[in-house]
Amino acid sequence: MKLVTLKLTCEELELLTTMAADQLFRKEFIDPKMPGYRPNTEEIRMGKALIGKLRYILDPAAAARRIPTTQG
């Protein structure tokens, strides 16, 4: 998987997250009612995970809640 680095302001990231969540809602609940719609459950799952990551990044208290991982 190729990783991409992108620099955004918090305001830009918040707008992008909101727009992505709105689009995901449309794909999950509105589009299935349209004739000829073909569901893509993997895309919906990945979209939900991505929105979760973006919201986590935007949450200022998220770093305080992060649980340290142990190795061994």
N, C-alpha and C. Protein backbone atom coordinates (compact mmCIF):
# COMPACT_ATOMS: atom_id res chain seq x y z
N MET A 1 0.85 -1.17 0.00
CA MET A 1 0.00 0.00 0.00
C MET A 1 0.90 1.23 0.00
N LYS A 2 0.61 2.18 -0.86
CA LYS A 2 1.37 3.41 -0.96
C LYS A 2 0.82 4.43 0.05
N LEU A 3 1.71 5.05 0.82
CA LEU A 3 1.31 6.07 1.78
C LEU A 3 1.50 7.45 1.17
N VAL A 4 0.60 8.36 1.51
CA VAL A 4 0.64 9.72 1.00
C VAL A 4 0.62 10.67 2.19
N THR A 5 1.45 11.70 2.15
CA THR A 5 1.47 12.72 3.19
C THR A 5 0.78 13.96 2.64
N LEU A 6 -0.11 14.52 3.41
CA LEU A 6 -0.89 15.68 2.99
C LEU A 6 -0.94 16.67 4.14
N LYS A 7 -0.64 17.93 3.85
CA LYS A 7 -0.70 18.96 4.89
C LYS A 7 -2.00 19.73 4.73
N LEU A 8 -2.80 19.75 5.81
CA LEU A 8 -4.07 20.46 5.84
C LEU A 8 -4.17 21.24 7.14
N THR A 9 -4.91 22.34 7.10
CA THR A 9 -5.21 23.03 8.35
C THR A 9 -6.30 22.24 9.06
N CYS A 10 -6.49 22.50 10.33
CA CYS A 10 -7.55 21.82 11.08
C CYS A 10 -8.92 22.12 10.47
N GLU A 11 -9.10 23.35 10.02
CA GLU A 11 -10.37 23.73 9.41
C GLU A 11 -10.61 22.96 8.11
N GLU A 12 -9.57 22.80 7.30
CA GLU A 12 -9.69 22.04 6.06
C GLU A 12 -9.99 20.58 6.35
N LEU A 13 -9.31 20.01 7.34
CA LEU A 13 -9.53 18.62 7.70
C LEU A 13 -10.94 18.41 8.25
N GLU A 14 -11.41 19.36 9.03
CA GLU A 14 -12.77 19.27 9.57
C GLU A 14 -13.81 19.31 8.45
N LEU A 15 -13.61 20.21 7.49
CA LEU A 15 -14.52 20.29 6.35
C LEU A 15 -14.48 19.01 5.52
N LEU A 16 -13.30 18.51 5.25
CA LEU A 16 -13.15 17.28 4.48
C LEU A 16 -13.83 16.10 5.19
N THR A 17 -13.67 16.03 6.51
CA THR A 17 -14.28 14.96 7.29
C THR A 17 -15.80 15.04 7.23
N THR A 18 -16.34 16.24 7.38
CA THR A 18 -17.79 16.43 7.31
C THR A 18 -18.33 16.04 5.94
N MET A 19 -17.65 16.48 4.90
CA MET A 19 -18.10 16.16 3.54
C MET A 19 -18.02 14.65 3.28
N ALA A 20 -16.96 14.01 3.76
CA ALA A 20 -16.82 12.57 3.58
C ALA A 20 -17.91 11.82 4.34
N ALA A 21 -18.23 12.27 5.54
CA ALA A 21 -19.29 11.62 6.33
C ALA A 21 -20.64 11.78 5.63
N ASP A 22 -20.90 12.95 5.07
CA ASP A 22 -22.15 13.17 4.34
C ASP A 22 -22.24 12.26 3.12
N GLN A 23 -21.14 12.13 2.41
CA GLN A 23 -21.10 11.27 1.22
C GLN A 23 -21.30 9.81 1.61
N LEU A 24 -20.68 9.39 2.70
CA LEU A 24 -20.84 8.02 3.16
C LEU A 24 -22.29 7.74 3.55
N PHE A 25 -22.93 8.70 4.22
CA PHE A 25 -24.33 8.54 4.58
C PHE A 25 -25.18 8.33 3.31
N ARG A 26 -24.89 9.14 2.28
CA ARG A 26 -25.64 9.01 1.02
C ARG A 26 -25.42 7.63 0.41
N LYS A 27 -24.17 7.17 0.39
CA LYS A 27 -23.87 5.86 -0.20
C LYS A 27 -24.50 4.71 0.59
N GLU A 28 -24.61 4.89 1.90
CA GLU A 28 -25.12 3.81 2.74
C GLU A 28 -26.65 3.77 2.80
N PHE A 29 -27.30 4.94 2.82
CA PHE A 29 -28.74 4.96 3.07
C PHE A 29 -29.60 5.47 1.93
N ILE A 30 -29.08 6.35 1.10
CA ILE A 30 -29.90 6.93 0.02
C ILE A 30 -29.71 6.18 -1.29
N ASP A 31 -28.46 5.94 -1.68
CA ASP A 31 -28.19 5.29 -2.95
C ASP A 31 -28.85 3.91 -3.09
N PRO A 32 -28.92 3.09 -2.02
CA PRO A 32 -29.54 1.78 -2.19
C PRO A 32 -31.00 1.84 -2.65
N LYS A 33 -31.65 2.97 -2.51
CA LYS A 33 -33.04 3.11 -2.93
C LYS A 33 -33.15 3.46 -4.41
N MET A 34 -32.02 3.72 -5.05
CA MET A 34 -32.02 4.10 -6.47
C MET A 34 -32.01 2.83 -7.33
N PRO A 35 -32.73 2.86 -8.45
CA PRO A 35 -32.73 1.70 -9.34
C PRO A 35 -31.33 1.43 -9.89
N GLY A 36 -30.96 0.17 -9.93
CA GLY A 36 -29.68 -0.23 -10.49
C GLY A 36 -28.50 -0.09 -9.55
N TYR A 37 -28.75 0.27 -8.32
CA TYR A 37 -27.66 0.45 -7.36
C TYR A 37 -27.00 -0.89 -7.07
N ARG A 38 -25.67 -0.88 -7.03
CA ARG A 38 -24.90 -2.07 -6.67
C ARG A 38 -24.09 -1.75 -5.42
N PRO A 39 -24.37 -2.40 -4.31
CA PRO A 39 -23.67 -2.08 -3.06
C PRO A 39 -22.21 -2.50 -3.10
N ASN A 40 -21.39 -1.73 -2.41
CA ASN A 40 -19.98 -2.06 -2.24
C ASN A 40 -19.69 -1.99 -0.74
N THR A 41 -19.92 -3.09 -0.05
CA THR A 41 -19.79 -3.10 1.40
C THR A 41 -18.37 -2.84 1.87
N GLU A 42 -17.38 -3.26 1.09
CA GLU A 42 -15.99 -3.02 1.46
C GLU A 42 -15.69 -1.51 1.43
N GLU A 43 -16.22 -0.82 0.44
CA GLU A 43 -16.03 0.62 0.35
C GLU A 43 -16.70 1.34 1.53
N ILE A 44 -17.88 0.90 1.92
CA ILE A 44 -18.58 1.50 3.06
C ILE A 44 -17.77 1.26 4.34
N ARG A 45 -17.28 0.05 4.52
CA ARG A 45 -16.49 -0.29 5.70
C ARG A 45 -15.22 0.56 5.76
N MET A 46 -14.53 0.67 4.64
CA MET A 46 -13.31 1.45 4.60
C MET A 46 -13.61 2.94 4.84
N GLY A 47 -14.71 3.42 4.31
CA GLY A 47 -15.11 4.81 4.51
C GLY A 47 -15.38 5.11 5.97
N LYS A 48 -16.06 4.21 6.65
CA LYS A 48 -16.34 4.40 8.08
C LYS A 48 -15.04 4.42 8.88
N ALA A 49 -14.11 3.54 8.55
CA ALA A 49 -12.83 3.51 9.24
C ALA A 49 -12.05 4.80 9.00
N LEU A 50 -12.06 5.28 7.77
CA LEU A 50 -11.35 6.51 7.43
C LEU A 50 -11.94 7.71 8.16
N ILE A 51 -13.24 7.81 8.19
CA ILE A 51 -13.88 8.93 8.90
C ILE A 51 -13.56 8.85 10.39
N GLY A 52 -13.52 7.65 10.92
CA GLY A 52 -13.13 7.48 12.32
C GLY A 52 -11.71 7.98 12.57
N LYS A 53 -10.78 7.67 11.67
CA LYS A 53 -9.41 8.15 11.81
C LYS A 53 -9.35 9.67 11.74
N LEU A 54 -10.06 10.25 10.80
CA LEU A 54 -10.05 11.71 10.65
C LEU A 54 -10.62 12.40 11.88
N ARG A 55 -11.71 11.86 12.40
CA ARG A 55 -12.31 12.45 13.61
C ARG A 55 -11.39 12.31 14.81
N TYR A 56 -10.68 11.20 14.88
CA TYR A 56 -9.73 10.98 15.96
C TYR A 56 -8.61 12.02 15.90
N ILE A 57 -8.12 12.30 14.70
CA ILE A 57 -7.07 13.30 14.51
C ILE A 57 -7.56 14.67 14.94
N LEU A 58 -8.81 14.99 14.64
CA LEU A 58 -9.36 16.30 14.95
C LEU A 58 -9.67 16.50 16.43
N ASP A 59 -9.83 15.41 17.17
CA ASP A 59 -10.20 15.49 18.58
C ASP A 59 -8.98 15.88 19.41
N PRO A 60 -8.98 17.07 20.03
CA PRO A 60 -7.81 17.51 20.78
C PRO A 60 -7.50 16.64 22.00
N ALA A 61 -8.48 15.94 22.52
CA ALA A 61 -8.25 15.09 23.69
C ALA A 61 -7.85 13.67 23.30
N ALA A 62 -7.78 13.39 22.02
CA ALA A 62 -7.49 12.03 21.56
C ALA A 62 -6.12 11.55 22.01
N ALA A 63 -5.14 12.42 21.98
CA ALA A 63 -3.79 12.02 22.39
C ALA A 63 -3.77 11.61 23.86
N ALA A 64 -4.55 12.24 24.69
CA ALA A 64 -4.60 11.90 26.10
C ALA A 64 -5.25 10.54 26.34
N ARG A 65 -6.14 10.14 25.43
CA ARG A 65 -6.84 8.86 25.58
C ARG A 65 -6.08 7.70 24.95
N ARG A 66 -5.04 8.01 24.20
CA ARG A 66 -4.31 6.96 23.48
C ARG A 66 -3.70 5.99 24.48
N ILE A 67 -3.92 4.71 24.27
CA ILE A 67 -3.40 3.68 25.16
C ILE A 67 -2.04 3.23 24.63
N PRO A 68 -1.00 3.32 25.43
CA PRO A 68 0.32 2.91 24.95
C PRO A 68 0.34 1.41 24.71
N THR A 69 1.01 1.03 23.64
CA THR A 69 1.13 -0.40 23.33
C THR A 69 2.40 -0.93 23.96
N THR A 70 2.35 -2.19 24.35
CA THR A 70 3.55 -2.83 24.92
C THR A 70 4.06 -3.84 23.94
N GLN A 71 5.35 -3.96 23.89
CA GLN A 71 5.97 -4.95 23.01
C GLN A 71 6.55 -6.04 23.87
N GLY A 72 6.51 -7.25 23.34
CA GLY A 72 7.15 -8.31 24.10
C GLY A 72 6.45 -9.54 24.03
